[in-house]
């Protein structure tokens, strides 16, 4: 079972990820992953993906931005977003690093 990331974990998109966006979603693919299976993101998943960048950012920043854009309460969506980010790490689409401070 996937364990949610901590809110102070830094996250970023992996460099080797291809994406194809349409009006109703985005398909992402880890080009160098052994399984290399396309993964379709829609709704909230697509919104989270849009707020991930190639630069490291704290997971809680992504949560705050998604909450703001979706008119949601950050404390309510945080558990789901952190779990989803962990799933993206498992799929080798996102890198995560725990902060040591």
N, C-alpha and C. Protein backbone atom coordinates (compact mmCIF):
# COMPACT_ATOMS: atom_id res chain seq x y z
N UNK A 1 0.84 -1.19 0.00
CA UNK A 1 0.00 0.00 0.00
C UNK A 1 0.88 1.25 0.00
N UNK A 2 0.52 2.21 -0.80
CA UNK A 2 1.27 3.46 -0.91
C UNK A 2 1.04 4.31 0.32
N UNK A 3 2.13 4.83 0.88
CA UNK A 3 2.06 5.72 2.05
C UNK A 3 2.12 7.16 1.56
N UNK A 4 1.24 8.04 2.02
CA UNK A 4 1.26 9.44 1.58
C UNK A 4 2.60 10.10 1.88
N UNK A 5 2.95 11.06 1.07
CA UNK A 5 4.16 11.84 1.31
C UNK A 5 3.91 12.79 2.47
N UNK A 6 4.99 13.23 3.10
CA UNK A 6 4.88 14.28 4.12
C UNK A 6 4.71 15.62 3.44
N UNK A 7 4.08 16.57 4.12
CA UNK A 7 3.82 17.87 3.49
C UNK A 7 5.09 18.67 3.23
N UNK A 8 6.18 18.33 3.91
CA UNK A 8 7.45 19.04 3.70
C UNK A 8 8.35 18.33 2.70
N UNK A 9 7.89 17.22 2.17
CA UNK A 9 8.63 16.51 1.14
C UNK A 9 8.70 17.41 -0.09
N UNK A 10 9.85 17.43 -0.76
CA UNK A 10 9.92 18.18 -2.01
C UNK A 10 9.64 17.23 -3.16
N UNK A 11 8.95 17.76 -4.15
CA UNK A 11 8.55 16.97 -5.31
C UNK A 11 8.87 17.73 -6.59
N UNK A 12 9.05 16.97 -7.66
CA UNK A 12 9.19 17.57 -8.99
C UNK A 12 8.92 16.49 -10.03
N UNK A 13 8.56 16.95 -11.22
CA UNK A 13 8.38 16.02 -12.33
C UNK A 13 9.74 15.42 -12.70
N UNK A 14 9.73 14.16 -13.08
CA UNK A 14 10.97 13.55 -13.58
C UNK A 14 11.24 14.08 -14.99
N UNK A 15 12.50 14.15 -15.33
CA UNK A 15 12.91 14.70 -16.63
C UNK A 15 12.47 13.83 -17.80
N UNK A 16 12.34 12.56 -17.60
CA UNK A 16 12.08 11.62 -18.69
C UNK A 16 10.61 11.37 -18.95
N UNK A 17 9.74 12.26 -18.52
CA UNK A 17 8.30 12.04 -18.65
C UNK A 17 7.76 12.80 -19.85
N UNK A 18 7.09 12.05 -20.72
CA UNK A 18 6.41 12.66 -21.86
C UNK A 18 4.95 12.88 -21.47
N UNK A 19 4.34 13.91 -22.04
CA UNK A 19 2.94 14.17 -21.74
C UNK A 19 2.22 14.67 -22.98
N UNK A 20 0.96 14.33 -23.04
CA UNK A 20 0.09 14.77 -24.12
C UNK A 20 -1.19 15.25 -23.47
N UNK A 21 -1.45 16.55 -23.59
CA UNK A 21 -2.62 17.14 -22.93
C UNK A 21 -3.75 17.37 -23.92
N UNK A 22 -4.96 17.13 -23.47
CA UNK A 22 -6.15 17.42 -24.26
C UNK A 22 -7.10 18.22 -23.37
N UNK A 23 -8.26 18.55 -23.89
CA UNK A 23 -9.21 19.36 -23.12
C UNK A 23 -9.72 18.63 -21.87
N UNK A 24 -9.76 17.30 -21.91
CA UNK A 24 -10.34 16.56 -20.79
C UNK A 24 -9.34 15.76 -19.97
N UNK A 25 -8.06 15.97 -20.19
CA UNK A 25 -7.07 15.25 -19.40
C UNK A 25 -5.68 15.32 -19.99
N UNK A 26 -4.80 14.61 -19.35
CA UNK A 26 -3.41 14.53 -19.82
C UNK A 26 -2.95 13.09 -19.65
N UNK A 27 -2.21 12.62 -20.65
CA UNK A 27 -1.62 11.28 -20.57
C UNK A 27 -0.13 11.48 -20.37
N UNK A 28 0.42 10.82 -19.35
CA UNK A 28 1.85 10.94 -19.04
C UNK A 28 2.50 9.56 -19.16
N UNK A 29 3.77 9.57 -19.48
CA UNK A 29 4.49 8.32 -19.72
C UNK A 29 5.94 8.49 -19.29
N UNK A 30 6.39 7.63 -18.39
CA UNK A 30 7.79 7.63 -17.96
C UNK A 30 8.59 6.87 -19.01
N UNK A 31 9.32 7.58 -19.83
CA UNK A 31 9.98 6.99 -20.99
C UNK A 31 11.04 5.97 -20.63
N UNK A 32 11.69 6.10 -19.49
CA UNK A 32 12.75 5.15 -19.15
C UNK A 32 12.35 4.14 -18.07
N UNK A 33 11.07 4.13 -17.71
CA UNK A 33 10.59 3.16 -16.71
C UNK A 33 10.45 1.79 -17.38
N UNK A 34 10.79 0.72 -16.67
CA UNK A 34 10.72 -0.62 -17.27
C UNK A 34 9.32 -0.97 -17.77
N UNK A 35 8.29 -0.55 -17.06
CA UNK A 35 6.92 -0.88 -17.47
C UNK A 35 6.39 0.06 -18.54
N UNK A 36 6.83 1.31 -18.55
CA UNK A 36 6.51 2.32 -19.56
C UNK A 36 5.03 2.28 -19.99
N UNK A 37 4.14 2.37 -19.03
CA UNK A 37 2.70 2.32 -19.29
C UNK A 37 2.13 3.74 -19.24
N UNK A 38 1.37 4.14 -20.26
CA UNK A 38 0.74 5.46 -20.21
C UNK A 38 -0.22 5.56 -19.03
N UNK A 39 -0.26 6.72 -18.41
CA UNK A 39 -1.13 6.95 -17.25
C UNK A 39 -1.96 8.19 -17.55
N UNK A 40 -3.27 8.04 -17.52
CA UNK A 40 -4.18 9.14 -17.83
C UNK A 40 -4.61 9.86 -16.56
N UNK A 41 -4.48 11.17 -16.58
CA UNK A 41 -4.89 12.02 -15.46
C UNK A 41 -6.06 12.88 -15.89
N UNK A 42 -7.09 12.92 -15.08
CA UNK A 42 -8.24 13.78 -15.33
C UNK A 42 -8.60 14.49 -14.03
N UNK A 43 -9.47 15.45 -14.12
CA UNK A 43 -10.00 16.14 -12.93
C UNK A 43 -8.91 16.62 -11.99
N UNK A 44 -9.04 16.21 -10.74
CA UNK A 44 -8.08 16.64 -9.71
C UNK A 44 -6.67 16.16 -9.98
N UNK A 45 -6.53 14.98 -10.56
CA UNK A 45 -5.19 14.47 -10.89
C UNK A 45 -4.49 15.35 -11.91
N UNK A 46 -5.24 15.80 -12.91
CA UNK A 46 -4.68 16.70 -13.91
C UNK A 46 -4.30 18.04 -13.27
N UNK A 47 -5.10 18.50 -12.35
CA UNK A 47 -4.82 19.75 -11.66
C UNK A 47 -3.53 19.64 -10.84
N UNK A 48 -3.35 18.54 -10.14
CA UNK A 48 -2.11 18.32 -9.38
C UNK A 48 -0.92 18.31 -10.35
N UNK A 49 -1.05 17.59 -11.46
CA UNK A 49 0.04 17.49 -12.43
C UNK A 49 0.46 18.86 -12.94
N UNK A 50 -0.51 19.72 -13.21
CA UNK A 50 -0.21 21.08 -13.71
C UNK A 50 0.63 21.88 -12.71
N UNK A 51 0.50 21.58 -11.42
CA UNK A 51 1.23 22.33 -10.41
C UNK A 51 2.58 21.71 -10.06
N UNK A 52 2.91 20.61 -10.71
CA UNK A 52 4.25 20.03 -10.56
C UNK A 52 5.12 20.63 -11.65
N UNK A 53 6.37 20.88 -11.31
CA UNK A 53 7.30 21.47 -12.28
C UNK A 53 8.59 20.66 -12.27
N UNK A 54 9.54 21.08 -13.08
CA UNK A 54 10.85 20.44 -13.11
C UNK A 54 11.70 20.87 -11.90
N UNK A 55 11.28 21.94 -11.23
CA UNK A 55 12.00 22.42 -10.04
C UNK A 55 11.39 21.80 -8.79
N UNK A 56 12.24 21.55 -7.80
CA UNK A 56 11.76 21.00 -6.53
C UNK A 56 10.89 22.03 -5.81
N UNK A 57 9.77 21.55 -5.29
CA UNK A 57 8.89 22.38 -4.48
C UNK A 57 8.31 21.52 -3.37
N UNK A 58 7.96 22.15 -2.28
CA UNK A 58 7.37 21.40 -1.18
C UNK A 58 5.99 20.91 -1.58
N UNK A 59 5.67 19.71 -1.14
CA UNK A 59 4.36 19.13 -1.44
C UNK A 59 3.25 20.02 -0.91
N UNK A 60 3.47 20.66 0.23
CA UNK A 60 2.42 21.51 0.78
C UNK A 60 2.16 22.73 -0.10
N UNK A 61 3.15 23.17 -0.87
CA UNK A 61 2.95 24.26 -1.82
C UNK A 61 2.02 23.80 -2.94
N UNK A 62 2.25 22.58 -3.42
CA UNK A 62 1.36 22.02 -4.45
C UNK A 62 -0.06 21.92 -3.90
N UNK A 63 -0.21 21.44 -2.68
CA UNK A 63 -1.53 21.34 -2.05
C UNK A 63 -2.20 22.72 -2.00
N UNK A 64 -1.47 23.73 -1.57
CA UNK A 64 -2.04 25.08 -1.44
C UNK A 64 -2.47 25.62 -2.80
N UNK A 65 -1.67 25.40 -3.82
CA UNK A 65 -2.01 25.89 -5.15
C UNK A 65 -3.23 25.18 -5.73
N UNK A 66 -3.28 23.87 -5.54
CA UNK A 66 -4.44 23.10 -6.02
C UNK A 66 -5.69 23.55 -5.27
N UNK A 67 -5.59 23.75 -3.97
CA UNK A 67 -6.73 24.21 -3.18
C UNK A 67 -7.21 25.56 -3.67
N UNK A 68 -6.29 26.46 -3.91
CA UNK A 68 -6.65 27.80 -4.37
C UNK A 68 -7.35 27.75 -5.73
N UNK A 69 -6.80 26.98 -6.64
CA UNK A 69 -7.36 26.92 -7.99
C UNK A 69 -8.73 26.22 -8.02
N UNK A 70 -8.93 25.28 -7.11
CA UNK A 70 -10.19 24.52 -7.11
C UNK A 70 -11.19 25.03 -6.07
N UNK A 71 -10.87 26.16 -5.44
CA UNK A 71 -11.73 26.72 -4.39
C UNK A 71 -12.04 25.69 -3.31
N UNK A 72 -10.99 24.96 -2.90
CA UNK A 72 -11.12 23.94 -1.85
C UNK A 72 -10.34 24.37 -0.62
N UNK A 73 -10.63 23.74 0.49
CA UNK A 73 -9.89 23.97 1.72
C UNK A 73 -8.65 23.08 1.69
N UNK A 74 -7.47 23.68 1.82
CA UNK A 74 -6.21 22.92 1.73
C UNK A 74 -6.16 21.79 2.75
N UNK A 75 -6.66 22.03 3.95
CA UNK A 75 -6.59 20.99 4.98
C UNK A 75 -7.48 19.79 4.63
N UNK A 76 -8.53 20.03 3.86
CA UNK A 76 -9.42 18.94 3.47
C UNK A 76 -8.84 18.10 2.34
N UNK A 77 -8.16 18.75 1.38
CA UNK A 77 -7.64 18.00 0.23
C UNK A 77 -6.23 17.48 0.44
N UNK A 78 -5.54 17.99 1.46
CA UNK A 78 -4.14 17.61 1.68
C UNK A 78 -3.91 16.10 1.73
N UNK A 79 -4.67 15.33 2.50
CA UNK A 79 -4.40 13.88 2.54
C UNK A 79 -4.51 13.22 1.17
N UNK A 80 -5.50 13.60 0.40
CA UNK A 80 -5.67 13.01 -0.94
C UNK A 80 -4.56 13.41 -1.89
N UNK A 81 -4.17 14.67 -1.84
CA UNK A 81 -3.10 15.14 -2.74
C UNK A 81 -1.78 14.49 -2.38
N UNK A 82 -1.47 14.38 -1.09
CA UNK A 82 -0.21 13.75 -0.68
C UNK A 82 -0.18 12.27 -1.05
N UNK A 83 -1.30 11.60 -0.96
CA UNK A 83 -1.37 10.20 -1.38
C UNK A 83 -1.22 10.09 -2.90
N UNK A 84 -1.86 10.97 -3.63
CA UNK A 84 -1.75 10.95 -5.09
C UNK A 84 -0.31 11.22 -5.53
N UNK A 85 0.35 12.17 -4.87
CA UNK A 85 1.76 12.44 -5.19
C UNK A 85 2.61 11.19 -4.95
N UNK A 86 2.35 10.48 -3.88
CA UNK A 86 3.08 9.24 -3.60
C UNK A 86 2.83 8.20 -4.70
N UNK A 87 1.61 8.14 -5.20
CA UNK A 87 1.30 7.21 -6.29
C UNK A 87 2.06 7.60 -7.56
N UNK A 88 2.19 8.90 -7.82
CA UNK A 88 2.96 9.35 -8.98
C UNK A 88 4.44 9.00 -8.82
N UNK A 89 4.94 9.02 -7.59
CA UNK A 89 6.31 8.59 -7.33
C UNK A 89 6.44 7.10 -7.64
N UNK A 90 5.49 6.30 -7.17
CA UNK A 90 5.50 4.86 -7.43
C UNK A 90 5.48 4.55 -8.92
N UNK A 91 4.80 5.39 -9.70
CA UNK A 91 4.71 5.20 -11.16
C UNK A 91 5.93 5.75 -11.89
N UNK A 92 6.89 6.28 -11.12
CA UNK A 92 8.13 6.85 -11.65
C UNK A 92 7.90 8.08 -12.54
N UNK A 93 6.85 8.84 -12.21
CA UNK A 93 6.54 10.06 -12.93
C UNK A 93 7.03 11.29 -12.18
N UNK A 94 7.23 11.14 -10.86
CA UNK A 94 7.61 12.24 -9.99
C UNK A 94 8.74 11.77 -9.07
N UNK A 95 9.67 12.68 -8.77
CA UNK A 95 10.72 12.43 -7.78
C UNK A 95 10.31 13.09 -6.48
N UNK A 96 10.60 12.44 -5.37
CA UNK A 96 10.30 13.01 -4.05
C UNK A 96 11.52 12.88 -3.17
N UNK A 97 11.76 13.91 -2.38
CA UNK A 97 12.89 13.90 -1.43
C UNK A 97 12.40 14.43 -0.09
N UNK A 98 12.62 13.64 0.94
CA UNK A 98 12.24 14.06 2.29
C UNK A 98 13.20 15.12 2.78
N UNK A 99 12.67 16.19 3.35
CA UNK A 99 13.53 17.22 3.93
C UNK A 99 14.05 16.73 5.27
N UNK A 100 15.30 17.00 5.56
CA UNK A 100 15.93 16.49 6.77
C UNK A 100 15.95 17.48 7.92
N UNK A 101 15.28 18.64 7.77
CA UNK A 101 15.36 19.63 8.86
C UNK A 101 14.24 19.54 9.78
